[in-house]
PDB file of N, CA and C in Angstrom:
ATOM      1  N   MET A   1      19.350  -2.877  20.456  1.00  0.00           N
ATOM      2  CA  MET A   1      18.244  -2.928  19.510  1.00  0.00           C
ATOM      3  C   MET A   1      17.309  -1.737  19.694  1.00  0.00           C
ATOM      4  N   ALA A   2      17.209  -1.224  20.904  1.00  0.00           N
ATOM      5  CA  ALA A   2      16.247  -0.159  21.192  1.00  0.00           C
ATOM      6  C   ALA A   2      16.566   1.126  20.444  1.00  0.00           C
ATOM      7  N   GLU A   3      17.850   1.383  20.183  1.00  0.00           N
ATOM      8  CA  GLU A   3      18.197   2.619  19.485  1.00  0.00           C
ATOM      9  C   GLU A   3      17.807   2.581  18.009  1.00  0.00           C
ATOM     10  N   TYR A   4      17.691   1.391  17.456  1.00  0.00           N
ATOM     11  CA  TYR A   4      17.316   1.290  16.047  1.00  0.00           C
ATOM     12  C   TYR A   4      15.804   1.284  15.833  1.00  0.00           C
ATOM     13  N   GLN A   5      15.040   1.017  16.862  1.00  0.00           N
ATOM     14  CA  GLN A   5      13.586   0.962  16.718  1.00  0.00           C
ATOM     15  C   GLN A   5      13.011   2.303  16.296  1.00  0.00           C
ATOM     16  N   ASN A   6      13.533   3.369  16.862  1.00  0.00           N
ATOM     17  CA  ASN A   6      13.034   4.687  16.487  1.00  0.00           C
ATOM     18  C   ASN A   6      13.310   4.996  15.026  1.00  0.00           C
ATOM     19  N   ILE A   7      14.471   4.576  14.541  1.00  0.00           N
ATOM     20  CA  ILE A   7      14.814   4.822  13.139  1.00  0.00           C
ATOM     21  C   ILE A   7      13.840   4.084  12.218  1.00  0.00           C
ATOM     22  N   TYR A   8      13.535   2.831  12.554  1.00  0.00           N
ATOM     23  CA  TYR A   8      12.608   2.061  11.723  1.00  0.00           C
ATOM     24  C   TYR A   8      11.196   2.650  11.755  1.00  0.00           C
ATOM     25  N   LEU A   9      10.778   3.104  12.922  1.00  0.00           N
ATOM     26  CA  LEU A   9       9.443   3.694  13.021  1.00  0.00           C
ATOM     27  C   LEU A   9       9.369   5.037  12.295  1.00  0.00           C
ATOM     28  N   ILE A  10      10.433   5.814  12.342  1.00  0.00           N
ATOM     29  CA  ILE A  10      10.469   7.078  11.589  1.00  0.00           C
ATOM     30  C   ILE A  10      10.444   6.797  10.093  1.00  0.00           C
ATOM     31  N   LEU A  11      11.206   5.794   9.658  1.00  0.00           N
ATOM     32  CA  LEU A  11      11.187   5.405   8.241  1.00  0.00           C
ATOM     33  C   LEU A  11       9.800   4.934   7.832  1.00  0.00           C
ATOM     34  N   SER A  12       9.149   4.171   8.694  1.00  0.00           N
ATOM     35  CA  SER A  12       7.795   3.709   8.411  1.00  0.00           C
ATOM     36  C   SER A  12       6.829   4.882   8.277  1.00  0.00           C
ATOM     37  N   ALA A  13       6.945   5.861   9.164  1.00  0.00           N
ATOM     38  CA  ALA A  13       6.071   7.041   9.090  1.00  0.00           C
ATOM     39  C   ALA A  13       6.337   7.847   7.831  1.00  0.00           C
ATOM     40  N   ILE A  14       7.599   7.973   7.438  1.00  0.00           N
ATOM     41  CA  ILE A  14       7.934   8.713   6.211  1.00  0.00           C
ATOM     42  C   ILE A  14       7.366   8.002   4.990  1.00  0.00           C
ATOM     43  N   LEU A  15       7.531   6.684   4.925  1.00  0.00           N
ATOM     44  CA  LEU A  15       6.985   5.927   3.792  1.00  0.00           C
ATOM     45  C   LEU A  15       5.464   6.021   3.743  1.00  0.00           C
ATOM     46  N   PHE A  16       4.823   5.947   4.894  1.00  0.00           N
ATOM     47  CA  PHE A  16       3.362   6.045   4.917  1.00  0.00           C
ATOM     48  C   PHE A  16       2.912   7.424   4.458  1.00  0.00           C
ATOM     49  N   THR A  17       3.637   8.467   4.859  1.00  0.00           N
ATOM     50  CA  THR A  17       3.294   9.827   4.435  1.00  0.00           C
ATOM     51  C   THR A  17       3.471   9.994   2.935  1.00  0.00           C
ATOM     52  N   ILE A  18       4.538   9.435   2.388  1.00  0.00           N
ATOM     53  CA  ILE A  18       4.753   9.493   0.937  1.00  0.00           C
ATOM     54  C   ILE A  18       3.622   8.774   0.212  1.00  0.00           C
ATOM     55  N   GLY A  19       3.213   7.615   0.727  1.00  0.00           N
ATOM     56  CA  GLY A  19       2.104   6.881   0.120  1.00  0.00           C
ATOM     57  C   GLY A  19       0.801   7.655   0.176  1.00  0.00           C
ATOM     58  N   CYS A  20       0.523   8.284   1.308  1.00  0.00           N
ATOM     59  CA  CYS A  20      -0.701   9.100   1.431  1.00  0.00           C
ATOM     60  C   CYS A  20      -0.681  10.266   0.458  1.00  0.00           C
ATOM     61  N   GLY A  21       0.481  10.903   0.333  1.00  0.00           N
ATOM     62  CA  GLY A  21       0.600  12.009  -0.619  1.00  0.00           C
ATOM     63  C   GLY A  21       0.363  11.556  -2.045  1.00  0.00           C
ATOM     64  N   GLY A  22       0.856  10.377  -2.388  1.00  0.00           N
ATOM     65  CA  GLY A  22       0.629   9.845  -3.733  1.00  0.00           C
ATOM     66  C   GLY A  22      -0.821   9.516  -4.000  1.00  0.00           C
ATOM     67  N   VAL A  23      -1.502   8.981  -3.004  1.00  0.00           N
ATOM     68  CA  VAL A  23      -2.924   8.652  -3.178  1.00  0.00           C
ATOM     69  C   VAL A  23      -3.753   9.918  -3.340  1.00  0.00           C
ATOM     70  N   ILE A  24      -3.428  10.939  -2.573  1.00  0.00           N
ATOM     71  CA  ILE A  24      -4.232  12.166  -2.581  1.00  0.00           C
ATOM     72  C   ILE A  24      -3.983  13.010  -3.827  1.00  0.00           C
ATOM     73  N   THR A  25      -2.736  13.098  -4.280  1.00  0.00           N
ATOM     74  CA  THR A  25      -2.407  14.071  -5.324  1.00  0.00           C
ATOM     75  C   THR A  25      -2.387  13.524  -6.741  1.00  0.00           C
ATOM     76  N   ARG A  26      -2.214  12.251  -6.930  1.00  0.00           N
ATOM     77  CA  ARG A  26      -2.043  11.711  -8.285  1.00  0.00           C
ATOM     78  C   ARG A  26      -3.369  11.380  -8.941  1.00  0.00           C
ATOM     79  N   LYS A  27      -3.385  11.433 -10.268  1.00  0.00           N
ATOM     80  CA  LYS A  27      -4.585  11.115 -11.030  1.00  0.00           C
ATOM     81  C   LYS A  27      -4.440   9.821 -11.824  1.00  0.00           C
ATOM     82  N   ASN A  28      -3.221   9.325 -11.947  1.00  0.00           N
ATOM     83  CA  ASN A  28      -2.986   8.081 -12.654  1.00  0.00           C
ATOM     84  C   ASN A  28      -3.299   6.917 -11.715  1.00  0.00           C
ATOM     85  N   ALA A  29      -4.122   5.986 -12.166  1.00  0.00           N
ATOM     86  CA  ALA A  29      -4.579   4.902 -11.306  1.00  0.00           C
ATOM     87  C   ALA A  29      -3.436   3.985 -10.896  1.00  0.00           C
ATOM     88  N   ILE A  30      -2.473   3.765 -11.754  1.00  0.00           N
ATOM     89  CA  ILE A  30      -1.359   2.889 -11.416  1.00  0.00           C
ATOM     90  C   ILE A  30      -0.475   3.529 -10.352  1.00  0.00           C
ATOM     91  N   VAL A  31      -0.258   4.836 -10.425  1.00  0.00           N
ATOM     92  CA  VAL A  31       0.531   5.521  -9.402  1.00  0.00           C
ATOM     93  C   VAL A  31      -0.194   5.487  -8.062  1.00  0.00           C
ATOM     94  N   VAL A  32      -1.499   5.644  -8.073  1.00  0.00           N
ATOM     95  CA  VAL A  32      -2.283   5.545  -6.839  1.00  0.00           C
ATOM     96  C   VAL A  32      -2.174   4.132  -6.266  1.00  0.00           C
ATOM     97  N   PHE A  33      -2.243   3.149  -7.129  1.00  0.00           N
ATOM     98  CA  PHE A  33      -2.113   1.762  -6.717  1.00  0.00           C
ATOM     99  C   PHE A  33      -0.743   1.495  -6.094  1.00  0.00           C
ATOM    100  N   LEU A  34       0.312   2.001  -6.692  1.00  0.00           N
ATOM    101  CA  LEU A  34       1.651   1.824  -6.145  1.00  0.00           C
ATOM    102  C   LEU A  34       1.819   2.579  -4.831  1.00  0.00           C
ATOM    103  N   SER A  35       1.155   3.712  -4.701  1.00  0.00           N
ATOM    104  CA  SER A  35       1.208   4.457  -3.442  1.00  0.00           C
ATOM    105  C   SER A  35       0.552   3.672  -2.314  1.00  0.00           C
ATOM    106  N   ILE A  36      -0.523   2.975  -2.624  1.00  0.00           N
ATOM    107  CA  ILE A  36      -1.162   2.118  -1.623  1.00  0.00           C
ATOM    108  C   ILE A  36      -0.228   0.982  -1.228  1.00  0.00           C
ATOM    109  N   GLU A  37       0.514   0.445  -2.184  1.00  0.00           N
ATOM    110  CA  GLU A  37       1.475  -0.608  -1.878  1.00  0.00           C
ATOM    111  C   GLU A  37       2.599  -0.081  -0.983  1.00  0.00           C
ATOM    112  N   ILE A  38       3.031   1.158  -1.195  1.00  0.00           N
ATOM    113  CA  ILE A  38       4.046   1.770  -0.328  1.00  0.00           C
ATOM    114  C   ILE A  38       3.496   1.903   1.093  1.00  0.00           C
ATOM    115  N   MET A  39       2.232   2.277   1.203  1.00  0.00           N
ATOM    116  CA  MET A  39       1.613   2.398   2.522  1.00  0.00           C
ATOM    117  C   MET A  39       1.546   1.036   3.220  1.00  0.00           C
ATOM    118  N   LEU A  40       1.223  -0.011   2.483  1.00  0.00           N
ATOM    119  CA  LEU A  40       1.193  -1.349   3.078  1.00  0.00           C
ATOM    120  C   LEU A  40       2.589  -1.784   3.523  1.00  0.00           C
ATOM    121  N   GLY A  41       3.609  -1.443   2.754  1.00  0.00           N
ATOM    122  CA  GLY A  41       4.981  -1.746   3.153  1.00  0.00           C
ATOM    123  C   GLY A  41       5.390  -1.009   4.414  1.00  0.00           C
ATOM    124  N   ALA A  42       4.931   0.221   4.554  1.00  0.00           N
ATOM    125  CA  ALA A  42       5.231   0.989   5.766  1.00  0.00           C
ATOM    126  C   ALA A  42       4.576   0.356   6.986  1.00  0.00           C
ATOM    127  N   VAL A  43       3.361  -0.096   6.836  1.00  0.00           N
ATOM    128  CA  VAL A  43       2.668  -0.761   7.951  1.00  0.00           C
ATOM    129  C   VAL A  43       3.377  -2.065   8.299  1.00  0.00           C
ATOM    130  N   ASN A  44       3.827  -2.794   7.285  1.00  0.00           N
ATOM    131  CA  ASN A  44       4.578  -4.026   7.539  1.00  0.00           C
ATOM    132  C   ASN A  44       5.855  -3.742   8.320  1.00  0.00           C
ATOM    133  N   LEU A  45       6.563  -2.687   7.955  1.00  0.00           N
ATOM    134  CA  LEU A  45       7.791  -2.320   8.661  1.00  0.00           C
ATOM    135  C   LEU A  45       7.503  -1.991  10.123  1.00  0.00           C
ATOM    136  N   ALA A  46       6.414  -1.293  10.387  1.00  0.00           N
ATOM    137  CA  ALA A  46       6.047  -0.974  11.765  1.00  0.00           C
ATOM    138  C   ALA A  46       5.687  -2.240  12.546  1.00  0.00           C
ATOM    139  N   PHE A  47       4.949  -3.157  11.923  1.00  0.00           N
ATOM    140  CA  PHE A  47       4.605  -4.406  12.601  1.00  0.00           C
ATOM    141  C   PHE A  47       5.846  -5.218  12.942  1.00  0.00           C
ATOM    142  N   ILE A  48       6.785  -5.304  12.007  1.00  0.00           N
ATOM    143  CA  ILE A  48       8.021  -6.045  12.262  1.00  0.00           C
ATOM    144  C   ILE A  48       8.820  -5.386  13.378  1.00  0.00           C
ATOM    145  N   THR A  49       8.867  -4.064  13.390  1.00  0.00           N
ATOM    146  CA  THR A  49       9.602  -3.353  14.436  1.00  0.00           C
ATOM    147  C   THR A  49       9.003  -3.632  15.808  1.00  0.00           C
ATOM    148  N   PHE A  50       7.692  -3.540  15.929  1.00  0.00           N
ATOM    149  CA  PHE A  50       7.049  -3.808  17.216  1.00  0.00           C
ATOM    150  C   PHE A  50       7.159  -5.283  17.599  1.00  0.00           C
ATOM    151  N   SER A  51       7.123  -6.166  16.617  1.00  0.00           N
ATOM    152  CA  SER A  51       7.266  -7.587  16.896  1.00  0.00           C
ATOM    153  C   SER A  51       8.658  -7.909  17.433  1.00  0.00           C
ATOM    154  N   ARG A  52       9.668  -7.309  16.834  1.00  0.00           N
ATOM    155  CA  ARG A  52      11.036  -7.525  17.323  1.00  0.00           C
ATOM    156  C   ARG A  52      11.254  -6.892  18.687  1.00  0.00           C
ATOM    157  N   ALA A  53      10.626  -5.761  18.950  1.00  0.00           N
ATOM    158  CA  ALA A  53      10.797  -5.091  20.233  1.00  0.00           C
ATOM    159  C   ALA A  53      10.172  -5.888  21.374  1.00  0.00           C
ATOM    160  N   ASN A  54       9.052  -6.555  21.101  1.00  0.00           N
ATOM    161  CA  ASN A  54       8.346  -7.297  22.139  1.00  0.00           C
ATOM    162  C   ASN A  54       8.650  -8.793  22.127  1.00  0.00           C
ATOM    163  N   ASN A  55       9.495  -9.239  21.209  1.00  0.00           N
ATOM    164  CA  ASN A  55       9.834 -10.665  21.066  1.00  0.00           C
ATOM    165  C   ASN A  55       8.580 -11.530  20.949  1.00  0.00           C
ATOM    166  N   SER A  56       7.652 -11.092  20.091  1.00  0.00           N
ATOM    167  CA  SER A  56       6.415 -11.842  19.902  1.00  0.00           C
ATOM    168  C   SER A  56       6.208 -12.113  18.410  1.00  0.00           C
ATOM    169  N   PRO A  57       5.623 -13.259  18.090  1.00  0.00           N
ATOM    170  CA  PRO A  57       5.421 -13.611  16.679  1.00  0.00           C
ATOM    171  C   PRO A  57       4.150 -13.027  16.064  1.00  0.00           C
ATOM    172  N   GLU A  58       3.341 -12.315  16.840  1.00  0.00           N
ATOM    173  CA  GLU A  58       2.081 -11.805  16.310  1.00  0.00           C
ATOM    174  C   GLU A  58       2.284 -10.802  15.193  1.00  0.00           C
ATOM    175  N   GLY A  59       3.314  -9.979  15.304  1.00  0.00           N
ATOM    176  CA  GLY A  59       3.598  -8.994  14.258  1.00  0.00           C
ATOM    177  C   GLY A  59       3.951  -9.645  12.940  1.00  0.00           C
ATOM    178  N   ILE A  60       4.715 -10.725  13.003  1.00  0.00           N
ATOM    179  CA  ILE A  60       5.101 -11.434  11.783  1.00  0.00           C
ATOM    180  C   ILE A  60       3.876 -12.087  11.153  1.00  0.00           C
ATOM    181  N   PHE A  61       2.974 -12.608  11.977  1.00  0.00           N
ATOM    182  CA  PHE A  61       1.731 -13.174  11.454  1.00  0.00           C
ATOM    183  C   PHE A  61       0.904 -12.108  10.738  1.00  0.00           C
ATOM    184  N   MET A  62       0.823 -10.922  11.334  1.00  0.00           N
ATOM    185  CA  MET A  62       0.079  -9.828  10.701  1.00  0.00           C
ATOM    186  C   MET A  62       0.719  -9.420   9.385  1.00  0.00           C
ATOM    187  N   VAL A  63       2.042  -9.406   9.327  1.00  0.00           N
ATOM    188  CA  VAL A  63       2.740  -9.066   8.090  1.00  0.00           C
ATOM    189  C   VAL A  63       2.410 -10.074   7.004  1.00  0.00           C
ATOM    190  N   MET A  64       2.374 -11.347   7.342  1.00  0.00           N
ATOM    191  CA  MET A  64       2.024 -12.367   6.344  1.00  0.00           C
ATOM    192  C   MET A  64       0.591 -12.178   5.837  1.00  0.00           C
ATOM    193  N   CYS A  65      -0.319 -11.817   6.734  1.00  0.00           N
ATOM    194  CA  CYS A  65      -1.703 -11.560   6.309  1.00  0.00           C
ATOM    195  C   CYS A  65      -1.774 -10.340   5.396  1.00  0.00           C
ATOM    196  N   ILE A  66      -1.046  -9.290   5.735  1.00  0.00           N
ATOM    197  CA  ILE A  66      -1.048  -8.078   4.909  1.00  0.00           C
ATOM    198  C   ILE A  66      -0.434  -8.360   3.547  1.00  0.00           C
ATOM    199  N   MET A  67       0.620  -9.182   3.515  1.00  0.00           N
ATOM    200  CA  MET A  67       1.232  -9.514   2.227  1.00  0.00           C
ATOM    201  C   MET A  67       0.279 -10.325   1.352  1.00  0.00           C
ATOM    202  N   ALA A  68      -0.515 -11.203   1.960  1.00  0.00           N
ATOM    203  CA  ALA A  68      -1.502 -11.969   1.191  1.00  0.00           C
ATOM    204  C   ALA A  68      -2.576 -11.047   0.628  1.00  0.00           C
ATOM    205  N   VAL A  69      -3.026 -10.089   1.432  1.00  0.00           N
ATOM    206  CA  VAL A  69      -4.020  -9.123   0.956  1.00  0.00           C
ATOM    207  C   VAL A  69      -3.427  -8.265  -0.163  1.00  0.00           C
ATOM    208  N   ALA A  70      -2.170  -7.864  -0.033  1.00  0.00           N
ATOM    209  CA  ALA A  70      -1.523  -7.044  -1.056  1.00  0.00           C
ATOM    210  C   ALA A  70      -1.375  -7.814  -2.366  1.00  0.00           C
ATOM    211  N   ALA A  71      -1.075  -9.104  -2.282  1.00  0.00           N
ATOM    212  CA  ALA A  71      -0.962  -9.911  -3.501  1.00  0.00           C
ATOM    213  C   ALA A  71      -2.313 -10.038  -4.197  1.00  0.00           C
ATOM    214  N   ALA A  72      -3.363 -10.261  -3.418  1.00  0.00           N
ATOM    215  CA  ALA A  72      -4.700 -10.343  -4.007  1.00  0.00           C
ATOM    216  C   ALA A  72      -5.104  -8.994  -4.587  1.00  0.00           C
ATOM    217  N   GLU A  73      -4.769  -7.919  -3.896  1.00  0.00           N
ATOM    218  CA  GLU A  73      -5.076  -6.581  -4.392  1.00  0.00           C
ATOM    219  C   GLU A  73      -4.357  -6.311  -5.706  1.00  0.00           C
ATOM    220  N   ALA A  74      -3.125  -6.749  -5.814  1.00  0.00           N
ATOM    221  CA  ALA A  74      -2.364  -6.529  -7.045  1.00  0.00           C
ATOM    222  C   ALA A  74      -3.003  -7.265  -8.214  1.00  0.00           C
ATOM    223  N   ALA A  75      -3.421  -8.489  -8.000  1.00  0.00           N
ATOM    224  CA  ALA A  75      -4.023  -9.265  -9.084  1.00  0.00           C
ATOM    225  C   ALA A  75      -5.366  -8.672  -9.524  1.00  0.00           C
ATOM    226  N   VAL A  76      -6.219  -8.363  -8.567  1.00  0.00           N
ATOM    227  CA  VAL A  76      -7.535  -7.815  -8.893  1.00  0.00           C
ATOM    228  C   VAL A  76      -7.408  -6.398  -9.454  1.00  0.00           C
ATOM    229  N   GLY A  77      -6.535  -5.595  -8.855  1.00  0.00           N
ATOM    230  CA  GLY A  77      -6.340  -4.226  -9.334  1.00  0.00           C
ATOM    231  C   GLY A  77      -5.831  -4.170 -10.756  1.00  0.00           C
ATOM    232  N   LEU A  78      -4.884  -5.023 -11.087  1.00  0.00           N
ATOM    233  CA  LEU A  78      -4.360  -5.040 -12.454  1.00  0.00           C
ATOM    234  C   LEU A  78      -5.438  -5.458 -13.448  1.00  0.00           C
ATOM    235  N   ALA A  79      -6.252  -6.416 -13.080  1.00  0.00           N
ATOM    236  CA  ALA A  79      -7.338  -6.836 -13.966  1.00  0.00           C
ATOM    237  C   ALA A  79      -8.341  -5.698 -14.172  1.00  0.00           C
ATOM    238  N   ILE A  80      -8.665  -4.970 -13.123  1.00  0.00           N
ATOM    239  CA  ILE A  80      -9.589  -3.838 -13.244  1.00  0.00           C
ATOM    240  C   ILE A  80      -8.983  -2.745 -14.119  1.00  0.00           C
ATOM    241  N   PHE A  81      -7.694  -2.477 -13.956  1.00  0.00           N
ATOM    242  CA  PHE A  81      -7.037  -1.448 -14.768  1.00  0.00           C
ATOM    243  C   PHE A  81      -7.041  -1.820 -16.246  1.00  0.00           C
ATOM    244  N   VAL A  82      -6.807  -3.085 -16.545  1.00  0.00           N
ATOM    245  CA  VAL A  82      -6.807  -3.524 -17.949  1.00  0.00           C
ATOM    246  C   VAL A  82      -8.198  -3.365 -18.553  1.00  0.00           C
ATOM    247  N   LEU A  83      -9.228  -3.763 -17.819  1.00  0.00           N
ATOM    248  CA  LEU A  83     -10.595  -3.630 -18.327  1.00  0.00           C
ATOM    249  C   LEU A  83     -11.004  -2.171 -18.500  1.00  0.00           C
ATOM    250  N   LEU A  84     -10.651  -1.321 -17.546  1.00  0.00           N
ATOM    251  CA  LEU A  84     -10.997   0.091 -17.673  1.00  0.00           C
ATOM    252  C   LEU A  84     -10.224   0.763 -18.805  1.00  0.00           C
ATOM    253  N   TYR A  85      -8.993   0.349 -19.025  1.00  0.00           N
ATOM    254  CA  TYR A  85      -8.224   0.914 -20.140  1.00  0.00           C
ATOM    255  C   TYR A  85      -8.835   0.498 -21.469  1.00  0.00           C
ATOM    256  N   ARG A  86      -9.323  -0.724 -21.551  1.00  0.00           N
ATOM    257  CA  ARG A  86      -9.961  -1.176 -22.793  1.00  0.00           C
ATOM    258  C   ARG A  86     -11.238  -0.396 -23.093  1.00  0.00           C
ATOM    259  N   GLN A  87     -11.986  -0.028 -22.050  1.00  0.00           N
ATOM    260  CA  GLN A  87     -13.239   0.672 -22.271  1.00  0.00           C
ATOM    261  C   GLN A  87     -13.066   2.166 -22.477  1.00  0.00           C
ATOM    262  N   THR A  88     -12.149   2.792 -21.718  1.00  0.00           N
ATOM    263  CA  THR A  88     -12.022   4.250 -21.782  1.00  0.00           C
ATOM    264  C   THR A  88     -10.821   4.719 -22.572  1.00  0.00           C
ATOM    265  N   GLY A  89      -9.799   3.871 -22.729  1.00  0.00           N
ATOM    266  CA  GLY A  89      -8.593   4.281 -23.438  1.00  0.00           C
ATOM    267  C   GLY A  89      -7.641   5.076 -22.568  1.00  0.00           C
ATOM    268  N   SER A  90      -7.915   5.147 -21.267  1.00  0.00           N
ATOM    269  CA  SER A  90      -7.078   5.897 -20.348  1.00  0.00           C
ATOM    270  C   SER A  90      -7.196   5.275 -18.971  1.00  0.00           C
ATOM    271  N   ILE A  91      -6.204   5.557 -18.120  1.00  0.00           N
ATOM    272  CA  ILE A  91      -6.296   5.111 -16.735  1.00  0.00           C
ATOM    273  C   ILE A  91      -6.303   6.308 -15.789  1.00  0.00           C
ATOM    274  N   ASN A  92      -6.800   7.417 -16.294  1.00  0.00           N
ATOM    275  CA  ASN A  92      -6.946   8.622 -15.489  1.00  0.00           C
ATOM    276  C   ASN A  92      -8.144   8.441 -14.556  1.00  0.00           C
ATOM    277  N   ILE A  93      -7.954   8.703 -13.285  1.00  0.00           N
ATOM    278  CA  ILE A  93      -9.002   8.472 -12.292  1.00  0.00           C
ATOM    279  C   ILE A  93     -10.215   9.372 -12.530  1.00  0.00           C
ATOM    280  N   ASP A  94     -10.000  10.566 -13.053  1.00  0.00           N
ATOM    281  CA  ASP A  94     -11.120  11.484 -13.278  1.00  0.00           C
ATOM    282  C   ASP A  94     -12.099  10.962 -14.326  1.00  0.00           C
ATOM    283  N   LYS A  95     -11.651  10.090 -15.219  1.00  0.00           N
ATOM    284  CA  LYS A  95     -12.534   9.551 -16.263  1.00  0.00           C
ATOM    285  C   LYS A  95     -13.303   8.311 -15.821  1.00  0.00           C
ATOM    286  N   PHE A  96     -13.048   7.852 -14.620  1.00  0.00           N
ATOM    287  CA  PHE A  96     -13.704   6.620 -14.162  1.00  0.00           C
ATOM    288  C   PHE A  96     -15.032   6.934 -13.501  1.00  0.00           C
ATOM    289  N   ASN A  97     -16.032   7.185 -14.292  1.00  0.00           N
ATOM    290  CA  ASN A  97     -17.373   7.338 -13.757  1.00  0.00           C
ATOM    291  C   ASN A  97     -18.240   6.161 -14.130  1.00  0.00           C
ATOM    292  N   LEU A  98     -17.606   5.080 -14.581  1.00  0.00           N
ATOM    293  CA  LEU A  98     -18.344   3.888 -14.981  1.00  0.00           C
ATOM    294  C   LEU A  98     -18.907   3.143 -13.771  1.00  0.00           C
ATOM    295  N   LEU A  99     -18.339   3.341 -12.593  1.00  0.00           N
ATOM    296  CA  LEU A  99     -18.775   2.608 -11.420  1.00  0.00           C
ATOM    297  C   LEU A  99     -19.913   3.294 -10.674  1.00  0.00           C
ATOM    298  N   LYS A 100     -20.353   4.452 -11.158  1.00  0.00           N
ATOM    299  CA  LYS A 100     -21.466   5.150 -10.512  1.00  0.00           C
ATOM    300  C   LYS A 100     -22.773   4.508 -10.915  1.00  0.00           C
ATOM    301  N   TRP A 101     -23.768   4.656 -10.069  1.00  0.00           N
ATOM    302  CA  TRP A 101     -25.094   4.093 -10.361  1.00  0.00           C
ATOM    303  C   TRP A 101     -25.824   4.959 -11.324  1.00  0.00           C
TER     304      TRP A 101
END
């Protein structure tokens, strides 16, 4: 099992890097949202890898908590995107100055 742990952690780091690149470079709110979901999946993969390596259930518990947060984020994020699209006609992040004071 030890030889596969490095592969999973490298895959997790690659996925997290791809997600960070998507958040930083994209202007479409849905693509940024999906990039954040990729980052959460990468963190879940790392937690599962460390949990399996140490034979402890704490990593799996953390994954379940992260999945619950991701589900809530998806529901709230989609609702915000629909409302912002109705008001601005676009989901371009540069046009979202409605949240400023």
